Amino acid sequence: MTNRYNEPLYQIAAMTFVVVLPLTVGLAFLGPRLLGLAAIPEWMMATLLALGLACIVTGPLAWRWFYLRRKD
């Protein structure tokens, strides 16, 4: 019986999550400082919301791939 968590969909979601999560956190904390801004502008907030949504959607799929796949 094959394990469905070994499918490429889960691997793609896991790699997306691994890339997007640090990018979101880095942009939220370091973005305004590096750009010399006093507050988060609208375009950055929209970007953070989109990246956060990607984290929420890919998070459960990434967990399934990292922990439930077979390591044959």
PDB file of N, CA and C in Angstrom:
ATOM      1  N   MET A   1       0.842  -1.181   0.000  1.00  0.00           N
ATOM      2  CA  MET A   1       0.000   0.000   0.000  1.00  0.00           C
ATOM      3  C   MET A   1       0.888   1.246   0.000  1.00  0.00           C
ATOM      4  N   THR A   2       0.608   2.133  -0.875  1.00  0.00           N
ATOM      5  CA  THR A   2       1.427   3.337  -0.971  1.00  0.00           C
ATOM      6  C   THR A   2       0.951   4.390   0.019  1.00  0.00           C
ATOM      7  N   ASN A   3       1.873   5.187   0.448  1.00  0.00           N
ATOM      8  CA  ASN A   3       1.556   6.263   1.374  1.00  0.00           C
ATOM      9  C   ASN A   3       1.268   7.515   0.558  1.00  0.00           C
ATOM     10  N   ARG A   4       0.079   8.060   0.697  1.00  0.00           N
ATOM     11  CA  ARG A   4      -0.301   9.210  -0.130  1.00  0.00           C
ATOM     12  C   ARG A   4       0.460  10.475   0.255  1.00  0.00           C
ATOM     13  N   TYR A   5       1.086  10.493   1.433  1.00  0.00           N
ATOM     14  CA  TYR A   5       1.832  11.677   1.848  1.00  0.00           C
ATOM     15  C   TYR A   5       3.190  11.782   1.160  1.00  0.00           C
ATOM     16  N   ASN A   6       3.556  10.778   0.370  1.00  0.00           N
ATOM     17  CA  ASN A   6       4.788  10.842  -0.410  1.00  0.00           C
ATOM     18  C   ASN A   6       4.579  11.508  -1.769  1.00  0.00           C
ATOM     19  N   GLU A   7       3.360  11.926  -2.065  1.00  0.00           N
ATOM     20  CA  GLU A   7       3.056  12.526  -3.366  1.00  0.00           C
ATOM     21  C   GLU A   7       3.743  13.883  -3.512  1.00  0.00           C
ATOM     22  N   PRO A   8       4.006  14.280  -4.751  1.00  0.00           N
ATOM     23  CA  PRO A   8       4.699  15.562  -5.001  1.00  0.00           C
ATOM     24  C   PRO A   8       3.954  16.789  -4.490  1.00  0.00           C
ATOM     25  N   LEU A   9       2.616  16.739  -4.413  1.00  0.00           N
ATOM     26  CA  LEU A   9       1.847  17.871  -3.901  1.00  0.00           C
ATOM     27  C   LEU A   9       2.294  18.242  -2.496  1.00  0.00           C
ATOM     28  N   TYR A  10       2.474  17.250  -1.652  1.00  0.00           N
ATOM     29  CA  TYR A  10       2.878  17.501  -0.280  1.00  0.00           C
ATOM     30  C   TYR A  10       4.316  18.021  -0.206  1.00  0.00           C
ATOM     31  N   GLN A  11       5.180  17.508  -1.072  1.00  0.00           N
ATOM     32  CA  GLN A  11       6.566  17.978  -1.084  1.00  0.00           C
ATOM     33  C   GLN A  11       6.638  19.427  -1.563  1.00  0.00           C
ATOM     34  N   ILE A  12       5.882  19.777  -2.577  1.00  0.00           N
ATOM     35  CA  ILE A  12       5.863  21.160  -3.070  1.00  0.00           C
ATOM     36  C   ILE A  12       5.318  22.094  -1.999  1.00  0.00           C
ATOM     37  N   ALA A  13       4.255  21.673  -1.316  1.00  0.00           N
ATOM     38  CA  ALA A  13       3.692  22.491  -0.245  1.00  0.00           C
ATOM     39  C   ALA A  13       4.686  22.662   0.893  1.00  0.00           C
ATOM     40  N   ALA A  14       5.412  21.611   1.224  1.00  0.00           N
ATOM     41  CA  ALA A  14       6.392  21.695   2.304  1.00  0.00           C
ATOM     42  C   ALA A  14       7.522  22.654   1.952  1.00  0.00           C
ATOM     43  N   MET A  15       8.020  22.575   0.739  1.00  0.00           N
ATOM     44  CA  MET A  15       9.099  23.481   0.335  1.00  0.00           C
ATOM     45  C   MET A  15       8.599  24.924   0.258  1.00  0.00           C
ATOM     46  N   THR A  16       7.370  25.114  -0.173  1.00  0.00           N
ATOM     47  CA  THR A  16       6.785  26.453  -0.201  1.00  0.00           C
ATOM     48  C   THR A  16       6.682  27.010   1.210  1.00  0.00           C
ATOM     49  N   PHE A  17       6.227  26.196   2.143  1.00  0.00           N
ATOM     50  CA  PHE A  17       6.107  26.629   3.533  1.00  0.00           C
ATOM     51  C   PHE A  17       7.467  26.991   4.120  1.00  0.00           C
ATOM     52  N   VAL A  18       8.465  26.176   3.832  1.00  0.00           N
ATOM     53  CA  VAL A  18       9.811  26.416   4.365  1.00  0.00           C
ATOM     54  C   VAL A  18      10.400  27.721   3.824  1.00  0.00           C
ATOM     55  N   VAL A  19      10.056  28.101   2.632  1.00  0.00           N
ATOM     56  CA  VAL A  19      10.559  29.346   2.046  1.00  0.00           C
ATOM     57  C   VAL A  19       9.732  30.553   2.498  1.00  0.00           C
ATOM     58  N   VAL A  20       8.421  30.407   2.521  1.00  0.00           N
ATOM     59  CA  VAL A  20       7.528  31.544   2.769  1.00  0.00           C
ATOM     60  C   VAL A  20       7.520  31.972   4.236  1.00  0.00           C
ATOM     61  N   LEU A  21       7.598  31.028   5.166  1.00  0.00           N
ATOM     62  CA  LEU A  21       7.524  31.395   6.585  1.00  0.00           C
ATOM     63  C   LEU A  21       8.661  32.318   7.017  1.00  0.00           C
ATOM     64  N   PRO A  22       9.929  31.997   6.768  1.00  0.00           N
ATOM     65  CA  PRO A  22      10.985  32.945   7.155  1.00  0.00           C
ATOM     66  C   PRO A  22      10.929  34.255   6.372  1.00  0.00           C
ATOM     67  N   LEU A  23      10.494  34.180   5.123  1.00  0.00           N
ATOM     68  CA  LEU A  23      10.356  35.390   4.324  1.00  0.00           C
ATOM     69  C   LEU A  23       9.312  36.321   4.931  1.00  0.00           C
ATOM     70  N   THR A  24       8.202  35.765   5.381  1.00  0.00           N
ATOM     71  CA  THR A  24       7.149  36.563   6.007  1.00  0.00           C
ATOM     72  C   THR A  24       7.634  37.193   7.304  1.00  0.00           C
ATOM     73  N   VAL A  25       8.269  36.402   8.141  1.00  0.00           N
ATOM     74  CA  VAL A  25       8.759  36.913   9.418  1.00  0.00           C
ATOM     75  C   VAL A  25       9.842  37.966   9.194  1.00  0.00           C
ATOM     76  N   GLY A  26      10.753  37.709   8.281  1.00  0.00           N
ATOM     77  CA  GLY A  26      11.804  38.678   7.992  1.00  0.00           C
ATOM     78  C   GLY A  26      11.268  39.976   7.439  1.00  0.00           C
ATOM     79  N   LEU A  27      10.319  39.887   6.543  1.00  0.00           N
ATOM     80  CA  LEU A  27       9.737  41.097   5.972  1.00  0.00           C
ATOM     81  C   LEU A  27       8.959  41.888   7.018  1.00  0.00           C
ATOM     82  N   ALA A  28       8.277  41.193   7.907  1.00  0.00           N
ATOM     83  CA  ALA A  28       7.493  41.881   8.926  1.00  0.00           C
ATOM     84  C   ALA A  28       8.380  42.615   9.927  1.00  0.00           C
ATOM     85  N   PHE A  29       9.460  41.989  10.342  1.00  0.00           N
ATOM     86  CA  PHE A  29      10.300  42.585  11.378  1.00  0.00           C
ATOM     87  C   PHE A  29      11.411  43.478  10.836  1.00  0.00           C
ATOM     88  N   LEU A  30      11.980  43.105   9.689  1.00  0.00           N
ATOM     89  CA  LEU A  30      13.120  43.850   9.163  1.00  0.00           C
ATOM     90  C   LEU A  30      12.781  44.772   8.005  1.00  0.00           C
ATOM     91  N   GLY A  31      11.663  44.543   7.342  1.00  0.00           N
ATOM     92  CA  GLY A  31      11.298  45.331   6.170  1.00  0.00           C
ATOM     93  C   GLY A  31      11.236  46.826   6.416  1.00  0.00           C
ATOM     94  N   PRO A  32      10.450  47.279   7.379  1.00  0.00           N
ATOM     95  CA  PRO A  32      10.371  48.727   7.610  1.00  0.00           C
ATOM     96  C   PRO A  32      11.700  49.343   8.065  1.00  0.00           C
ATOM     97  N   ARG A  33      12.464  48.600   8.841  1.00  0.00           N
ATOM     98  CA  ARG A  33      13.762  49.129   9.301  1.00  0.00           C
ATOM     99  C   ARG A  33      14.751  49.271   8.152  1.00  0.00           C
ATOM    100  N   LEU A  34      14.807  48.256   7.289  1.00  0.00           N
ATOM    101  CA  LEU A  34      15.759  48.303   6.180  1.00  0.00           C
ATOM    102  C   LEU A  34      15.382  49.359   5.148  1.00  0.00           C
ATOM    103  N   LEU A  35      14.093  49.613   5.000  1.00  0.00           N
ATOM    104  CA  LEU A  35      13.637  50.619   4.046  1.00  0.00           C
ATOM    105  C   LEU A  35      13.568  52.015   4.670  1.00  0.00           C
ATOM    106  N   GLY A  36      13.818  52.107   5.966  1.00  0.00           N
ATOM    107  CA  GLY A  36      13.791  53.405   6.637  1.00  0.00           C
ATOM    108  C   GLY A  36      12.398  53.973   6.793  1.00  0.00           C
ATOM    109  N   LEU A  37      11.436  53.111   7.013  1.00  0.00           N
ATOM    110  CA  LEU A  37      10.050  53.552   7.144  1.00  0.00           C
ATOM    111  C   LEU A  37       9.640  53.589   8.614  1.00  0.00           C
ATOM    112  N   ALA A  38       8.752  54.507   8.956  1.00  0.00           N
ATOM    113  CA  ALA A  38       8.272  54.602  10.333  1.00  0.00           C
ATOM    114  C   ALA A  38       7.170  53.586  10.605  1.00  0.00           C
ATOM    115  N   ALA A  39       6.413  53.215   9.592  1.00  0.00           N
ATOM    116  CA  ALA A  39       5.315  52.265   9.747  1.00  0.00           C
ATOM    117  C   ALA A  39       5.286  51.338   8.526  1.00  0.00           C
ATOM    118  N   ILE A  40       4.463  50.314   8.599  1.00  0.00           N
ATOM    119  CA  ILE A  40       4.344  49.373   7.491  1.00  0.00           C
ATOM    120  C   ILE A  40       3.400  49.975   6.445  1.00  0.00           C
ATOM    121  N   PRO A  41       3.879  50.188   5.214  1.00  0.00           N
ATOM    122  CA  PRO A  41       3.010  50.749   4.173  1.00  0.00           C
ATOM    123  C   PRO A  41       1.972  49.727   3.693  1.00  0.00           C
ATOM    124  N   GLU A  42       1.001  50.218   2.945  1.00  0.00           N
ATOM    125  CA  GLU A  42      -0.092  49.354   2.487  1.00  0.00           C
ATOM    126  C   GLU A  42       0.392  48.224   1.592  1.00  0.00           C
ATOM    127  N   TRP A  43       1.335  48.495   0.703  1.00  0.00           N
ATOM    128  CA  TRP A  43       1.808  47.448  -0.191  1.00  0.00           C
ATOM    129  C   TRP A  43       2.523  46.348   0.586  1.00  0.00           C
ATOM    130  N   MET A  44       3.234  46.721   1.651  1.00  0.00           N
ATOM    131  CA  MET A  44       3.925  45.719   2.450  1.00  0.00           C
ATOM    132  C   MET A  44       2.920  44.911   3.268  1.00  0.00           C
ATOM    133  N   MET A  45       1.884  45.572   3.767  1.00  0.00           N
ATOM    134  CA  MET A  45       0.860  44.857   4.520  1.00  0.00           C
ATOM    135  C   MET A  45       0.124  43.872   3.617  1.00  0.00           C
ATOM    136  N   ALA A  46      -0.165  44.258   2.395  1.00  0.00           N
ATOM    137  CA  ALA A  46      -0.819  43.345   1.451  1.00  0.00           C
ATOM    138  C   ALA A  46       0.085  42.150   1.137  1.00  0.00           C
ATOM    139  N   THR A  47       1.365  42.417   0.984  1.00  0.00           N
ATOM    140  CA  THR A  47       2.316  41.333   0.738  1.00  0.00           C
ATOM    141  C   THR A  47       2.392  40.397   1.928  1.00  0.00           C
ATOM    142  N   LEU A  48       2.430  40.956   3.131  1.00  0.00           N
ATOM    143  CA  LEU A  48       2.475  40.131   4.336  1.00  0.00           C
ATOM    144  C   LEU A  48       1.212  39.290   4.494  1.00  0.00           C
ATOM    145  N   LEU A  49       0.062  39.866   4.164  1.00  0.00           N
ATOM    146  CA  LEU A  49      -1.178  39.104   4.239  1.00  0.00           C
ATOM    147  C   LEU A  49      -1.192  37.955   3.228  1.00  0.00           C
ATOM    148  N   ALA A  50      -0.706  38.202   2.028  1.00  0.00           N
ATOM    149  CA  ALA A  50      -0.652  37.147   1.009  1.00  0.00           C
ATOM    150  C   ALA A  50       0.320  36.035   1.414  1.00  0.00           C
ATOM    151  N   LEU A  51       1.478  36.417   1.930  1.00  0.00           N
ATOM    152  CA  LEU A  51       2.446  35.417   2.376  1.00  0.00           C
ATOM    153  C   LEU A  51       1.932  34.662   3.596  1.00  0.00           C
ATOM    154  N   GLY A  52       1.245  35.361   4.491  1.00  0.00           N
ATOM    155  CA  GLY A  52       0.655  34.704   5.649  1.00  0.00           C
ATOM    156  C   GLY A  52      -0.415  33.706   5.248  1.00  0.00           C
ATOM    157  N   LEU A  53      -1.214  34.056   4.270  1.00  0.00           N
ATOM    158  CA  LEU A  53      -2.224  33.133   3.758  1.00  0.00           C
ATOM    159  C   LEU A  53      -1.563  31.897   3.147  1.00  0.00           C
ATOM    160  N   ALA A  54      -0.462  32.101   2.440  1.00  0.00           N
ATOM    161  CA  ALA A  54       0.270  30.958   1.882  1.00  0.00           C
ATOM    162  C   ALA A  54       0.796  30.056   2.995  1.00  0.00           C
ATOM    163  N   CYS A  55       1.244  30.648   4.095  1.00  0.00           N
ATOM    164  CA  CYS A  55       1.701  29.852   5.245  1.00  0.00           C
ATOM    165  C   CYS A  55       0.561  29.050   5.856  1.00  0.00           C
ATOM    166  N   ILE A  56      -0.593  29.668   5.971  1.00  0.00           N
ATOM    167  CA  ILE A  56      -1.747  28.988   6.570  1.00  0.00           C
ATOM    168  C   ILE A  56      -2.212  27.831   5.695  1.00  0.00           C
ATOM    169  N   VAL A  57      -2.199  28.027   4.398  1.00  0.00           N
ATOM    170  CA  VAL A  57      -2.674  26.985   3.485  1.00  0.00           C
ATOM    171  C   VAL A  57      -1.671  25.843   3.379  1.00  0.00           C
ATOM    172  N   THR A  58      -0.386  26.158   3.303  1.00  0.00           N
ATOM    173  CA  THR A  58       0.616  25.109   3.103  1.00  0.00           C
ATOM    174  C   THR A  58       1.112  24.487   4.399  1.00  0.00           C
ATOM    175  N   GLY A  59       0.830  25.096   5.536  1.00  0.00           N
ATOM    176  CA  GLY A  59       1.309  24.568   6.817  1.00  0.00           C
ATOM    177  C   GLY A  59       0.864  23.142   7.110  1.00  0.00           C
ATOM    178  N   PRO A  60      -0.441  22.847   7.060  1.00  0.00           N
ATOM    179  CA  PRO A  60      -0.867  21.466   7.330  1.00  0.00           C
ATOM    180  C   PRO A  60      -0.325  20.456   6.317  1.00  0.00           C
ATOM    181  N   LEU A  61      -0.240  20.843   5.064  1.00  0.00           N
ATOM    182  CA  LEU A  61       0.307  19.942   4.052  1.00  0.00           C
ATOM    183  C   LEU A  61       1.788  19.686   4.308  1.00  0.00           C
ATOM    184  N   ALA A  62       2.506  20.724   4.723  1.00  0.00           N
ATOM    185  CA  ALA A  62       3.925  20.565   5.030  1.00  0.00           C
ATOM    186  C   ALA A  62       4.119  19.651   6.224  1.00  0.00           C
ATOM    187  N   TRP A  63       3.275  19.806   7.245  1.00  0.00           N
ATOM    188  CA  TRP A  63       3.386  18.940   8.412  1.00  0.00           C
ATOM    189  C   TRP A  63       3.178  17.487   8.021  1.00  0.00           C
ATOM    190  N   ARG A  64       2.193  17.249   7.175  1.00  0.00           N
ATOM    191  CA  ARG A  64       1.933  15.873   6.744  1.00  0.00           C
ATOM    192  C   ARG A  64       3.114  15.305   5.975  1.00  0.00           C
ATOM    193  N   TRP A  65       3.754  16.112   5.150  1.00  0.00           N
ATOM    194  CA  TRP A  65       4.881  15.597   4.388  1.00  0.00           C
ATOM    195  C   TRP A  65       6.088  15.367   5.288  1.00  0.00           C
ATOM    196  N   PHE A  66       6.376  16.287   6.205  1.00  0.00           N
ATOM    197  CA  PHE A  66       7.548  16.149   7.060  1.00  0.00           C
ATOM    198  C   PHE A  66       7.427  14.997   8.051  1.00  0.00           C
ATOM    199  N   TYR A  67       6.243  14.772   8.611  1.00  0.00           N
ATOM    200  CA  TYR A  67       6.105  13.811   9.696  1.00  0.00           C
ATOM    201  C   TYR A  67       5.392  12.522   9.344  1.00  0.00           C
ATOM    202  N   LEU A  68       4.574  12.508   8.323  1.00  0.00           N
ATOM    203  CA  LEU A  68       3.793  11.308   8.035  1.00  0.00           C
ATOM    204  C   LEU A  68       4.272  10.538   6.806  1.00  0.00           C
ATOM    205  N   ARG A  69       5.242  11.039   6.087  1.00  0.00           N
ATOM    206  CA  ARG A  69       5.705  10.301   4.924  1.00  0.00           C
ATOM    207  C   ARG A  69       6.601   9.151   5.378  1.00  0.00           C
ATOM    208  N   ARG A  70       6.702   8.171   4.536  1.00  0.00           N
ATOM    209  CA  ARG A  70       7.587   7.040   4.837  1.00  0.00           C
ATOM    210  C   ARG A  70       8.992   7.388   4.421  1.00  0.00           C
ATOM    211  N   LYS A  71       9.899   6.990   5.227  1.00  0.00           N
ATOM    212  CA  LYS A  71      11.314   7.257   4.940  1.00  0.00           C
ATOM    213  C   LYS A  71      11.999   5.960   4.468  1.00  0.00           C
ATOM    214  N   ASP A  72      11.387   5.334   3.471  1.00  0.00           N
ATOM    215  CA  ASP A  72      11.918   4.062   2.945  1.00  0.00           C
ATOM    216  C   ASP A  72      13.171   4.287   2.160  1.00  0.00           C
TER     217      ASP A  72
END
